[in-house]
N, C-alpha and C. Protein backbone atom coordinates (compact mmCIF):
# COMPACT_ATOMS: atom_id res chain seq x y z
N MET A 1 -102.97 -97.76 25.19
CA MET A 1 -101.90 -98.76 25.14
C MET A 1 -101.53 -99.18 26.32
N SER A 2 -101.37 -100.78 26.31
CA SER A 2 -100.99 -101.37 27.95
C SER A 2 -99.60 -101.43 28.10
N TRP A 3 -99.22 -101.87 29.29
CA TRP A 3 -97.98 -102.16 29.52
C TRP A 3 -97.68 -103.50 29.94
N ALA A 4 -96.70 -104.13 29.25
CA ALA A 4 -96.66 -105.70 29.80
C ALA A 4 -95.57 -105.95 30.85
N ALA A 5 -95.56 -106.84 31.72
CA ALA A 5 -94.98 -107.22 32.66
C ALA A 5 -94.19 -108.30 32.25
N ILE A 6 -92.67 -108.13 32.76
CA ILE A 6 -91.61 -109.39 32.55
C ILE A 6 -91.24 -109.62 33.72
N ILE A 7 -91.61 -110.82 34.28
CA ILE A 7 -91.15 -111.30 35.53
C ILE A 7 -90.05 -112.11 35.45
N LEU A 8 -88.91 -111.93 35.78
CA LEU A 8 -87.94 -112.71 35.79
C LEU A 8 -87.73 -113.73 36.92
N ALA A 9 -87.90 -115.31 36.48
CA ALA A 9 -88.06 -116.15 37.43
C ALA A 9 -87.31 -117.43 36.87
N ALA A 10 -86.05 -117.03 36.18
CA ALA A 10 -85.29 -118.19 35.59
C ALA A 10 -84.01 -118.47 36.18
N GLY A 11 -83.85 -117.80 37.08
CA GLY A 11 -82.34 -118.14 37.66
C GLY A 11 -82.08 -119.27 38.55
N ARG A 12 -80.73 -119.55 38.88
CA ARG A 12 -80.70 -120.76 39.60
C ARG A 12 -80.84 -120.66 41.02
N SER A 13 -80.90 -119.35 41.54
CA SER A 13 -81.01 -119.24 43.05
C SER A 13 -79.87 -119.80 43.85
N SER A 14 -78.51 -119.51 43.33
CA SER A 14 -77.35 -120.14 43.99
C SER A 14 -77.09 -119.89 45.28
N ARG A 15 -77.47 -118.47 45.62
CA ARG A 15 -77.15 -117.80 46.91
C ARG A 15 -78.10 -118.38 48.00
N MET A 16 -79.03 -119.29 47.72
CA MET A 16 -80.00 -119.69 48.53
C MET A 16 -79.65 -120.97 49.10
N GLY A 17 -78.40 -121.51 48.94
CA GLY A 17 -78.12 -122.76 49.28
C GLY A 17 -79.06 -124.01 48.71
N ASN A 18 -79.74 -124.81 49.28
CA ASN A 18 -80.13 -125.95 48.62
C ASN A 18 -81.52 -125.96 48.24
N SER A 19 -82.37 -124.60 48.67
CA SER A 19 -83.53 -124.28 48.31
C SER A 19 -83.57 -123.46 47.36
N HIS A 20 -84.95 -123.04 46.67
CA HIS A 20 -84.92 -122.30 45.57
C HIS A 20 -85.74 -121.21 45.95
N LYS A 21 -85.28 -120.01 45.95
CA LYS A 21 -85.81 -118.78 46.59
C LYS A 21 -87.05 -118.35 46.08
N LEU A 22 -87.56 -118.66 44.93
CA LEU A 22 -88.92 -118.32 44.56
C LEU A 22 -89.98 -119.16 44.99
N LEU A 23 -89.50 -120.40 45.37
CA LEU A 23 -90.65 -121.28 46.18
C LEU A 23 -90.71 -121.00 47.62
N GLU A 24 -89.65 -120.23 48.22
CA GLU A 24 -89.83 -119.95 49.68
C GLU A 24 -91.17 -119.33 49.74
N GLU A 25 -91.63 -119.56 51.02
CA GLU A 25 -92.99 -118.69 51.38
C GLU A 25 -92.60 -117.47 52.08
N LEU A 26 -93.29 -116.53 52.18
CA LEU A 26 -93.33 -115.30 52.93
C LEU A 26 -94.80 -114.94 52.92
N SER A 27 -95.14 -114.85 54.24
CA SER A 27 -96.44 -114.38 54.46
C SER A 27 -97.45 -115.08 54.00
N GLY A 28 -97.29 -116.61 53.92
CA GLY A 28 -98.26 -117.39 53.59
C GLY A 28 -98.30 -117.92 52.07
N LYS A 29 -97.51 -117.33 51.16
CA LYS A 29 -97.24 -117.76 49.85
C LYS A 29 -95.90 -117.59 49.22
N PRO A 30 -95.55 -118.30 48.11
CA PRO A 30 -94.47 -118.03 47.60
C PRO A 30 -94.05 -116.80 46.83
N LEU A 31 -92.58 -116.41 47.25
CA LEU A 31 -92.12 -115.10 46.71
C LEU A 31 -92.62 -114.95 45.66
N ILE A 32 -92.70 -115.69 44.55
CA ILE A 32 -92.84 -115.39 43.24
C ILE A 32 -94.30 -114.99 42.98
N ASN A 33 -95.31 -115.51 44.04
CA ASN A 33 -96.77 -114.99 43.82
C ASN A 33 -96.95 -113.84 44.07
N HIS A 34 -96.29 -113.38 45.02
CA HIS A 34 -96.03 -111.65 45.54
C HIS A 34 -95.95 -110.68 44.46
N VAL A 35 -94.95 -111.05 43.76
CA VAL A 35 -94.60 -110.37 42.52
C VAL A 35 -95.63 -110.64 41.34
N ILE A 36 -96.15 -111.59 41.13
CA ILE A 36 -97.18 -111.98 40.12
C ILE A 36 -98.58 -111.25 40.46
N ASP A 37 -99.01 -111.33 41.78
CA ASP A 37 -99.97 -110.42 42.18
C ASP A 37 -100.18 -109.02 42.32
N ALA A 38 -98.44 -108.48 42.59
CA ALA A 38 -98.32 -106.94 42.35
C ALA A 38 -98.46 -106.53 41.09
N ALA A 39 -98.20 -107.59 39.98
CA ALA A 39 -98.35 -107.11 38.71
C ALA A 39 -99.60 -107.21 38.14
N GLU A 40 -100.65 -108.15 38.66
CA GLU A 40 -101.78 -108.34 38.34
C GLU A 40 -102.72 -106.93 38.83
N LYS A 41 -102.46 -106.69 40.23
CA LYS A 41 -103.09 -105.27 40.57
C LYS A 41 -102.55 -103.92 40.07
N ALA A 42 -101.72 -103.94 39.38
CA ALA A 42 -101.02 -102.91 38.75
C ALA A 42 -101.76 -102.76 37.53
N PHE A 43 -102.48 -103.75 36.81
CA PHE A 43 -102.98 -103.89 35.66
C PHE A 43 -102.24 -103.85 34.66
N LEU A 44 -101.27 -104.56 34.68
CA LEU A 44 -100.36 -105.09 33.50
C LEU A 44 -100.68 -106.00 32.70
N VAL A 45 -100.75 -105.67 31.41
CA VAL A 45 -101.09 -106.86 30.55
C VAL A 45 -100.13 -107.00 29.32
N PRO A 46 -99.63 -108.01 28.88
CA PRO A 46 -99.81 -109.25 29.24
C PRO A 46 -98.85 -109.62 30.69
N LEU A 47 -98.89 -110.44 31.31
CA LEU A 47 -98.04 -110.99 32.18
C LEU A 47 -97.18 -112.03 31.73
N LEU A 48 -96.00 -111.90 31.68
CA LEU A 48 -94.97 -112.76 30.92
C LEU A 48 -94.03 -113.21 32.08
N LEU A 49 -93.95 -114.50 32.17
CA LEU A 49 -93.16 -115.14 33.33
C LEU A 49 -92.13 -115.86 32.80
N VAL A 50 -90.91 -115.41 32.84
CA VAL A 50 -89.93 -115.94 32.21
C VAL A 50 -89.18 -117.03 33.04
N THR A 51 -89.34 -118.33 32.69
CA THR A 51 -88.76 -119.43 33.50
C THR A 51 -87.40 -120.00 32.99
N GLY A 52 -86.96 -120.95 33.59
CA GLY A 52 -85.67 -121.66 33.19
C GLY A 52 -85.08 -122.54 34.27
N TYR A 53 -84.47 -122.31 35.44
CA TYR A 53 -83.92 -123.46 36.38
C TYR A 53 -85.40 -123.66 37.04
N ARG A 54 -85.42 -125.14 37.26
CA ARG A 54 -86.57 -125.63 37.68
C ARG A 54 -87.98 -125.06 37.35
N ARG A 55 -88.26 -125.21 35.96
CA ARG A 55 -89.11 -124.47 34.99
C ARG A 55 -90.41 -124.87 35.64
N ALA A 56 -90.72 -126.45 35.59
CA ALA A 56 -91.98 -127.00 36.07
C ALA A 56 -92.37 -126.43 37.55
N ASP A 57 -91.62 -126.36 38.58
CA ASP A 57 -91.96 -126.10 39.74
C ASP A 57 -92.24 -124.56 40.05
N VAL A 58 -91.57 -123.68 39.18
CA VAL A 58 -91.98 -122.32 39.02
C VAL A 58 -93.22 -121.96 38.31
N ALA A 59 -93.47 -122.46 37.21
CA ALA A 59 -94.47 -122.26 36.45
C ALA A 59 -95.76 -122.80 36.99
N ALA A 60 -95.55 -123.94 37.85
CA ALA A 60 -96.98 -124.37 38.60
C ALA A 60 -97.37 -123.53 39.46
N LEU A 61 -96.55 -122.56 40.08
CA LEU A 61 -97.27 -121.48 41.02
C LEU A 61 -98.09 -120.47 40.12
N ALA A 62 -97.89 -120.38 38.87
CA ALA A 62 -98.42 -119.29 38.20
C ALA A 62 -99.96 -119.67 37.56
N HIS A 63 -100.07 -121.25 38.16
CA HIS A 63 -101.64 -121.76 37.55
C HIS A 63 -102.57 -120.97 38.25
N GLY A 64 -103.82 -120.60 37.73
CA GLY A 64 -104.80 -120.07 38.16
C GLY A 64 -104.69 -118.37 37.81
N HIS A 65 -103.52 -118.26 37.08
CA HIS A 65 -103.42 -116.70 37.02
C HIS A 65 -103.46 -116.79 35.22
N ASP A 66 -103.77 -115.39 34.88
CA ASP A 66 -103.72 -115.18 33.30
C ASP A 66 -102.50 -114.61 32.87
N ILE A 67 -101.57 -115.79 32.58
CA ILE A 67 -100.20 -115.56 32.66
C ILE A 67 -99.37 -116.42 31.61
N GLU A 68 -98.38 -115.91 30.86
CA GLU A 68 -97.80 -116.72 29.67
C GLU A 68 -96.41 -117.02 30.28
N GLU A 69 -96.13 -118.06 30.23
CA GLU A 69 -94.69 -118.58 30.57
C GLU A 69 -93.91 -118.26 29.10
N VAL A 70 -92.73 -117.76 29.48
CA VAL A 70 -91.62 -117.65 28.37
C VAL A 70 -90.37 -118.40 28.89
N PHE A 71 -90.11 -119.50 28.51
CA PHE A 71 -89.07 -120.32 28.73
C PHE A 71 -87.76 -119.76 28.13
N ASN A 72 -86.73 -119.79 28.99
CA ASN A 72 -85.38 -119.23 28.60
C ASN A 72 -84.33 -120.26 28.95
N PRO A 73 -83.96 -121.18 27.80
CA PRO A 73 -83.24 -122.25 27.79
C PRO A 73 -81.53 -121.76 27.98
N ASP A 74 -81.42 -120.63 28.04
CA ASP A 74 -80.07 -120.27 28.32
C ASP A 74 -80.01 -119.53 29.50
N TYR A 75 -80.78 -119.72 30.60
CA TYR A 75 -80.87 -119.11 31.61
C TYR A 75 -79.49 -118.98 32.56
N ALA A 76 -78.58 -120.03 32.18
CA ALA A 76 -77.16 -120.22 32.86
C ALA A 76 -76.33 -119.12 32.58
N SER A 77 -76.67 -118.47 31.26
CA SER A 77 -75.77 -117.62 30.82
C SER A 77 -75.85 -115.99 31.54
N GLY A 78 -77.12 -115.94 32.43
CA GLY A 78 -77.04 -114.77 33.21
C GLY A 78 -78.73 -114.03 32.83
N MET A 79 -78.78 -112.99 33.73
CA MET A 79 -79.99 -112.31 33.60
C MET A 79 -80.48 -111.81 32.31
N MET A 80 -79.36 -111.19 31.51
CA MET A 80 -79.87 -110.65 30.24
C MET A 80 -80.53 -111.50 29.19
N SER A 81 -80.15 -112.72 29.43
CA SER A 81 -80.94 -113.79 28.59
C SER A 81 -82.26 -113.73 28.66
N SER A 82 -82.85 -113.71 30.06
CA SER A 82 -84.12 -113.69 30.28
C SER A 82 -84.80 -112.40 30.14
N VAL A 83 -84.09 -111.32 30.18
CA VAL A 83 -84.63 -109.97 29.94
C VAL A 83 -84.97 -109.97 28.34
N VAL A 84 -83.92 -110.45 27.45
CA VAL A 84 -84.37 -110.35 26.06
C VAL A 84 -85.39 -111.28 25.84
N GLY A 85 -85.45 -112.35 26.28
CA GLY A 85 -86.51 -113.42 26.11
C GLY A 85 -87.94 -112.69 26.35
N GLY A 86 -87.82 -112.23 27.40
CA GLY A 86 -89.15 -111.38 27.95
C GLY A 86 -89.47 -110.28 26.97
N LEU A 87 -88.65 -109.53 26.49
CA LEU A 87 -88.86 -108.43 25.57
C LEU A 87 -89.16 -108.78 24.32
N ARG A 88 -88.70 -109.78 23.87
CA ARG A 88 -89.15 -110.42 22.61
C ARG A 88 -90.66 -110.81 22.54
N ALA A 89 -91.06 -111.39 23.61
CA ALA A 89 -92.33 -111.88 23.84
C ALA A 89 -93.43 -110.70 24.09
N VAL A 90 -92.95 -109.58 24.14
CA VAL A 90 -93.93 -108.55 24.64
C VAL A 90 -94.73 -108.03 23.18
N PRO A 91 -95.96 -107.94 23.17
CA PRO A 91 -96.87 -107.79 21.80
C PRO A 91 -96.64 -106.33 21.45
N GLU A 92 -96.52 -106.19 19.97
CA GLU A 92 -96.65 -104.79 19.35
C GLU A 92 -97.53 -103.90 19.98
N SER A 93 -98.54 -104.40 20.34
CA SER A 93 -99.73 -103.28 20.98
C SER A 93 -99.29 -102.74 22.21
N CYS A 94 -98.07 -103.28 22.87
CA CYS A 94 -97.88 -102.70 24.34
C CYS A 94 -97.02 -101.39 23.94
N GLU A 95 -97.60 -100.55 24.91
CA GLU A 95 -96.35 -99.24 24.87
C GLU A 95 -94.92 -99.27 25.43
N GLY A 96 -94.96 -100.68 26.17
CA GLY A 96 -93.62 -100.87 26.73
C GLY A 96 -93.85 -101.90 27.75
N ALA A 97 -92.72 -102.02 28.56
CA ALA A 97 -92.59 -103.23 29.38
C ALA A 97 -92.30 -102.73 30.94
N VAL A 98 -92.52 -103.62 31.97
CA VAL A 98 -92.17 -103.23 33.31
C VAL A 98 -91.45 -104.54 33.66
N ILE A 99 -90.03 -104.47 34.19
CA ILE A 99 -89.35 -105.71 34.41
C ILE A 99 -89.16 -105.81 35.75
N LEU A 100 -89.73 -106.93 36.51
CA LEU A 100 -89.87 -107.27 37.78
C LEU A 100 -89.03 -108.21 38.14
N LEU A 101 -88.35 -108.34 39.07
CA LEU A 101 -87.34 -109.41 39.60
C LEU A 101 -88.13 -110.43 40.53
N GLY A 102 -88.37 -111.65 40.19
CA GLY A 102 -89.00 -112.74 41.11
C GLY A 102 -88.64 -112.74 42.44
N ASP A 103 -87.62 -112.26 42.88
CA ASP A 103 -87.03 -112.34 44.22
C ASP A 103 -87.42 -110.90 45.03
N MET A 104 -88.03 -110.31 44.73
CA MET A 104 -88.51 -108.77 45.17
C MET A 104 -89.95 -108.70 45.42
N PRO A 105 -90.44 -109.46 46.59
CA PRO A 105 -92.00 -109.61 46.68
C PRO A 105 -92.59 -108.48 47.82
N MET A 106 -91.67 -107.53 47.94
CA MET A 106 -91.94 -106.14 48.69
C MET A 106 -92.55 -105.11 47.63
N ILE A 107 -92.29 -105.25 46.06
CA ILE A 107 -92.87 -104.36 45.36
C ILE A 107 -94.15 -104.30 45.49
N THR A 108 -94.62 -103.20 45.35
CA THR A 108 -96.21 -102.91 45.39
C THR A 108 -96.70 -102.43 44.10
N PRO A 109 -98.02 -102.61 43.81
CA PRO A 109 -98.77 -102.05 42.55
C PRO A 109 -98.60 -100.65 42.39
N GLN A 110 -98.53 -99.87 43.84
CA GLN A 110 -98.32 -98.52 43.64
C GLN A 110 -97.02 -98.12 43.23
N HIS A 111 -96.18 -98.96 43.78
CA HIS A 111 -94.36 -98.67 43.41
C HIS A 111 -94.58 -98.68 41.67
N ILE A 112 -95.14 -99.57 41.07
CA ILE A 112 -95.45 -99.90 39.62
C ILE A 112 -95.92 -98.91 39.09
N ARG A 113 -97.44 -98.47 39.28
CA ARG A 113 -98.04 -97.40 38.83
C ARG A 113 -97.47 -96.28 38.87
N THR A 114 -96.76 -95.80 40.02
CA THR A 114 -96.22 -94.40 40.15
C THR A 114 -94.93 -94.36 39.15
N THR A 115 -94.13 -95.41 38.92
CA THR A 115 -93.02 -95.39 38.03
C THR A 115 -93.52 -95.28 36.83
N ILE A 116 -94.66 -96.16 36.36
CA ILE A 116 -95.23 -95.90 34.95
C ILE A 116 -95.70 -94.40 34.65
N ALA A 117 -96.36 -93.89 35.75
CA ALA A 117 -97.06 -92.69 35.68
C ALA A 117 -95.80 -91.54 35.59
N ALA A 118 -94.91 -91.56 35.95
CA ALA A 118 -93.63 -90.79 35.93
C ALA A 118 -93.09 -90.83 34.39
N LEU A 119 -93.00 -92.09 33.86
CA LEU A 119 -92.57 -91.69 32.55
C LEU A 119 -93.74 -91.63 31.41
N GLN A 120 -94.77 -91.53 31.59
CA GLN A 120 -96.04 -91.37 30.86
C GLN A 120 -96.02 -89.89 31.01
N ALA A 121 -95.64 -89.19 31.93
CA ALA A 121 -95.68 -87.62 31.94
C ALA A 121 -94.71 -87.19 31.26
N GLN A 122 -93.52 -87.92 30.95
CA GLN A 122 -92.47 -87.45 29.98
C GLN A 122 -92.34 -88.29 28.62
N PRO A 123 -93.10 -87.73 27.69
CA PRO A 123 -93.18 -88.52 26.45
C PRO A 123 -91.76 -88.60 25.53
N GLU A 124 -90.74 -87.90 25.88
CA GLU A 124 -89.61 -87.62 25.50
C GLU A 124 -88.69 -88.84 25.87
N ALA A 125 -89.07 -89.37 27.39
CA ALA A 125 -88.14 -90.05 27.92
C ALA A 125 -88.24 -91.75 27.39
N PHE A 126 -87.53 -92.45 27.76
CA PHE A 126 -87.17 -93.97 27.19
C PHE A 126 -87.71 -94.97 28.33
N ALA A 127 -87.12 -94.44 29.63
CA ALA A 127 -87.40 -95.27 30.60
C ALA A 127 -87.65 -94.62 32.04
N ALA A 128 -88.06 -95.38 32.99
CA ALA A 128 -88.12 -94.71 34.32
C ALA A 128 -87.73 -95.72 35.37
N VAL A 129 -86.90 -95.27 36.48
CA VAL A 129 -86.36 -96.07 37.41
C VAL A 129 -86.63 -95.25 38.83
N PRO A 130 -87.08 -96.13 39.78
CA PRO A 130 -87.60 -95.69 40.98
C PRO A 130 -86.11 -95.36 41.76
N VAL A 131 -85.98 -94.56 42.52
CA VAL A 131 -84.97 -94.13 43.35
C VAL A 131 -85.10 -93.92 44.79
N TYR A 132 -84.26 -94.78 45.87
CA TYR A 132 -84.56 -94.49 47.23
C TYR A 132 -83.17 -94.14 47.67
N ARG A 133 -83.05 -92.67 48.35
CA ARG A 133 -82.02 -92.24 48.69
C ARG A 133 -80.89 -92.32 48.05
N ARG A 134 -81.15 -91.90 46.47
CA ARG A 134 -79.90 -91.70 45.51
C ARG A 134 -79.72 -93.37 44.79
N GLN A 135 -80.15 -94.34 45.50
CA GLN A 135 -79.86 -95.81 44.72
C GLN A 135 -81.17 -96.02 43.72
N TRP A 136 -80.56 -96.62 42.71
CA TRP A 136 -81.63 -97.09 41.67
C TRP A 136 -82.12 -98.39 42.19
N GLY A 137 -83.69 -98.23 42.19
CA GLY A 137 -84.19 -99.62 42.54
C GLY A 137 -84.81 -100.42 41.44
N HIS A 138 -86.06 -101.03 41.53
CA HIS A 138 -86.82 -102.00 40.91
C HIS A 138 -88.38 -101.44 41.22
N PRO A 139 -89.41 -101.53 40.01
CA PRO A 139 -88.97 -102.23 38.74
C PRO A 139 -88.68 -101.16 37.87
N VAL A 140 -87.76 -101.50 36.60
CA VAL A 140 -87.49 -100.46 35.86
C VAL A 140 -88.49 -100.61 34.64
N VAL A 141 -88.97 -99.54 34.16
CA VAL A 141 -89.96 -99.33 33.13
C VAL A 141 -89.63 -98.60 32.02
N MET A 142 -89.88 -99.51 30.74
CA MET A 142 -89.01 -98.86 29.45
C MET A 142 -90.20 -98.87 28.20
N ARG A 143 -89.93 -98.12 27.54
CA ARG A 143 -90.75 -97.74 26.39
C ARG A 143 -90.17 -98.75 25.34
N ARG A 144 -90.98 -99.08 24.21
CA ARG A 144 -90.60 -99.81 23.28
C ARG A 144 -89.26 -99.59 22.63
N GLY A 145 -89.20 -98.01 22.59
CA GLY A 145 -87.82 -97.70 21.75
C GLY A 145 -86.57 -98.01 22.26
N LEU A 146 -86.53 -98.29 23.64
CA LEU A 146 -85.22 -98.88 24.00
C LEU A 146 -85.22 -100.21 23.91
N PHE A 147 -85.90 -101.19 23.74
CA PHE A 147 -86.00 -102.36 23.55
C PHE A 147 -84.67 -102.98 22.51
N GLY A 148 -84.47 -102.39 21.35
CA GLY A 148 -83.36 -102.97 20.66
C GLY A 148 -82.17 -102.75 21.30
N ALA A 149 -81.79 -101.61 21.84
CA ALA A 149 -80.46 -101.44 22.71
C ALA A 149 -80.23 -102.37 23.70
N VAL A 150 -81.48 -102.55 24.47
CA VAL A 150 -81.39 -103.56 25.67
C VAL A 150 -81.10 -105.09 24.95
N MET A 151 -81.82 -105.47 23.96
CA MET A 151 -81.72 -106.65 23.60
C MET A 151 -80.51 -107.03 22.95
N GLY A 152 -79.40 -105.92 22.84
CA GLY A 152 -77.92 -106.13 22.34
C GLY A 152 -77.22 -106.61 23.42
N LEU A 153 -77.68 -106.67 24.67
CA LEU A 153 -76.66 -106.73 25.76
C LEU A 153 -76.83 -108.36 25.98
N SER A 154 -75.74 -108.79 27.16
CA SER A 154 -75.46 -110.28 27.30
C SER A 154 -74.90 -110.54 28.76
N GLY A 155 -74.97 -111.38 29.41
CA GLY A 155 -74.41 -111.49 30.67
C GLY A 155 -75.44 -111.29 32.03
N ASP A 156 -75.11 -110.93 32.98
CA ASP A 156 -75.67 -110.60 34.33
C ASP A 156 -75.77 -109.51 34.65
N HIS A 157 -75.69 -108.48 33.80
CA HIS A 157 -75.44 -106.98 34.38
C HIS A 157 -76.82 -106.19 34.03
N GLY A 158 -77.69 -106.85 33.78
CA GLY A 158 -79.25 -106.05 33.75
C GLY A 158 -79.23 -105.15 32.62
N ALA A 159 -80.01 -104.14 32.78
CA ALA A 159 -80.24 -103.28 31.63
C ALA A 159 -79.75 -101.90 31.79
N ARG A 160 -78.83 -101.79 32.79
CA ARG A 160 -78.42 -100.58 33.49
C ARG A 160 -77.26 -99.98 32.55
N ALA A 161 -76.46 -100.91 31.99
CA ALA A 161 -75.61 -100.29 30.99
C ALA A 161 -76.16 -99.38 29.89
N VAL A 162 -77.63 -99.73 29.33
CA VAL A 162 -78.14 -98.97 28.30
C VAL A 162 -78.76 -97.92 28.80
N LEU A 163 -79.29 -97.97 30.22
CA LEU A 163 -79.91 -96.82 30.79
C LEU A 163 -78.88 -95.64 31.14
N LYS A 164 -77.61 -95.88 31.52
CA LYS A 164 -76.63 -95.26 31.92
C LYS A 164 -76.22 -94.41 30.63
N ALA A 165 -76.30 -95.28 29.43
CA ALA A 165 -75.76 -94.53 28.29
C ALA A 165 -76.84 -93.64 27.51
N HIS A 166 -78.15 -93.71 28.24
CA HIS A 166 -79.21 -92.72 27.77
C HIS A 166 -79.81 -92.08 28.84
N LEU A 167 -78.94 -91.76 29.84
CA LEU A 167 -79.28 -91.12 31.12
C LEU A 167 -80.21 -90.04 30.78
N ALA A 168 -79.93 -88.90 29.91
CA ALA A 168 -80.92 -87.86 29.70
C ALA A 168 -82.20 -88.41 29.25
N GLN A 169 -82.80 -89.48 29.08
CA GLN A 169 -83.89 -89.85 28.66
C GLN A 169 -84.50 -90.76 29.67
N VAL A 170 -83.86 -90.93 31.01
CA VAL A 170 -84.43 -91.83 32.00
C VAL A 170 -84.88 -90.78 32.93
N VAL A 171 -86.04 -91.31 33.64
CA VAL A 171 -86.73 -90.34 34.57
C VAL A 171 -86.39 -91.29 35.85
N GLU A 172 -85.90 -90.44 36.70
CA GLU A 172 -85.67 -91.14 38.19
C GLU A 172 -86.85 -90.43 39.10
N VAL A 173 -87.55 -91.56 39.62
CA VAL A 173 -88.89 -91.40 40.21
C VAL A 173 -88.50 -91.89 41.70
N PRO A 174 -88.60 -90.66 42.71
CA PRO A 174 -88.30 -90.87 44.17
C PRO A 174 -89.30 -91.66 44.75
N ILE A 175 -88.79 -92.79 45.36
CA ILE A 175 -89.95 -93.56 46.02
C ILE A 175 -89.25 -93.71 47.27
N ASP A 176 -90.03 -93.01 48.42
CA ASP A 176 -89.50 -93.21 49.82
C ASP A 176 -89.70 -94.67 50.37
N ASP A 177 -89.20 -95.60 50.00
CA ASP A 177 -89.65 -96.94 50.40
C ASP A 177 -88.15 -97.83 50.05
N PRO A 178 -87.48 -98.43 50.94
CA PRO A 178 -86.36 -99.10 50.90
C PRO A 178 -86.57 -100.41 50.21
N ALA A 179 -88.18 -100.87 50.14
CA ALA A 179 -88.46 -102.18 49.45
C ALA A 179 -88.26 -102.37 47.88
N ILE A 180 -87.87 -100.92 47.34
CA ILE A 180 -87.66 -101.21 45.81
C ILE A 180 -86.24 -101.58 45.82
N LEU A 181 -85.37 -101.77 46.75
CA LEU A 181 -83.99 -102.26 46.77
C LEU A 181 -83.93 -103.49 47.23
N LEU A 182 -85.06 -104.25 47.97
CA LEU A 182 -84.78 -105.39 48.53
C LEU A 182 -85.04 -106.68 47.82
N ASP A 183 -83.90 -107.22 47.63
CA ASP A 183 -84.18 -108.76 46.96
C ASP A 183 -83.72 -109.77 48.09
N LEU A 184 -84.56 -110.57 47.91
CA LEU A 184 -84.29 -111.92 49.02
C LEU A 184 -83.74 -113.08 48.28
N ASP A 185 -82.47 -113.05 48.27
CA ASP A 185 -81.84 -113.96 47.39
C ASP A 185 -80.67 -114.61 48.27
N THR A 186 -80.62 -114.51 49.53
CA THR A 186 -79.92 -115.22 50.47
C THR A 186 -80.85 -115.72 51.67
N PRO A 187 -80.53 -116.89 52.52
CA PRO A 187 -81.30 -117.24 53.40
C PRO A 187 -81.46 -116.27 54.63
N GLU A 188 -80.33 -115.30 54.68
CA GLU A 188 -80.25 -114.31 55.75
C GLU A 188 -81.33 -113.13 55.57
N ALA A 189 -81.19 -112.74 54.10
CA ALA A 189 -82.49 -111.80 53.66
C ALA A 189 -83.91 -112.20 53.97
N LEU A 190 -84.06 -113.30 53.46
CA LEU A 190 -85.26 -113.98 53.55
C LEU A 190 -85.73 -114.09 55.15
N ALA A 191 -84.99 -114.61 56.12
CA ALA A 191 -85.04 -114.71 57.44
C ALA A 191 -85.63 -113.23 58.08
N LEU A 192 -84.64 -112.24 57.47
CA LEU A 192 -84.87 -110.82 58.14
C LEU A 192 -86.37 -110.46 57.55
N ALA A 193 -86.54 -110.71 56.21
CA ALA A 193 -87.81 -110.17 55.71
C ALA A 193 -89.03 -111.09 56.53
N ARG A 194 -88.87 -112.15 56.96
CA ARG A 194 -90.04 -113.02 57.70
C ARG A 194 -90.08 -112.44 59.10
N GLN A 195 -89.18 -111.73 59.56
CA GLN A 195 -89.13 -111.15 61.08
C GLN A 195 -89.74 -109.81 61.16
N SER A 196 -89.18 -109.01 59.98
CA SER A 196 -89.58 -107.47 60.20
C SER A 196 -90.42 -107.04 58.96
N GLY A 197 -90.36 -107.83 57.60
CA GLY A 197 -91.04 -107.21 56.79
C GLY A 197 -92.62 -107.55 56.12
N SER A 198 -92.71 -109.04 56.77
CA SER A 198 -94.08 -109.66 56.24
C SER A 198 -95.15 -109.07 56.54
N ALA A 199 -95.31 -108.25 57.51
CA ALA A 199 -96.52 -107.54 57.87
C ALA A 199 -97.15 -106.53 56.88
N ARG A 200 -96.05 -106.33 55.94
CA ARG A 200 -96.44 -105.38 54.85
C ARG A 200 -97.29 -106.30 53.69
N LEU A 201 -97.22 -107.45 53.99
CA LEU A 201 -97.90 -108.43 52.78
C LEU A 201 -98.98 -109.35 53.27
N THR A 202 -99.82 -109.48 52.17
CA THR A 202 -101.02 -110.20 52.66
C THR A 202 -101.15 -111.56 52.00
N PRO A 203 -101.58 -112.85 52.72
CA PRO A 203 -101.59 -113.91 52.06
C PRO A 203 -102.40 -114.23 50.86
């Protein structure tokens, strides 16, 4: 059974000022394309791109990829509306889903594969979360059995409330890489990544 990628790309990018963070370039390509490429190289199927704000601009960057757009008309209500929309689009044939944030271009295929493998090694677990120095990061991987509980959430708090409520069934996966915590949602974070982190990425 395959694992679907839910790539969250619907937000308004309000902390980035006048620009849209997902359209900003890092190491020769837009941030969102680094995330799409990582999902492809991790062999996630299908790839579900959840759009909202500036839908046409974001969706245009997925041209040339085998990817399905999932439009979230309620994107202004918060991240959970995008997560729920993505989960609803996951085919029944999938074992579960990997939730990827569009502004985290440093996530690698290996981060994704390592987290999936940790979950698969524990059949009784519902989800797996990478951890760096005791901090939960991304991507979150969840089995289909957790979808219903997550889809009952709303707002901008992500799925962590459900994960905390089922903590005994969550696998914490040690990842010795701060990239799993790094979201580029401000001009300062993007500038720092361009200065110090872009060497890890390839155009």
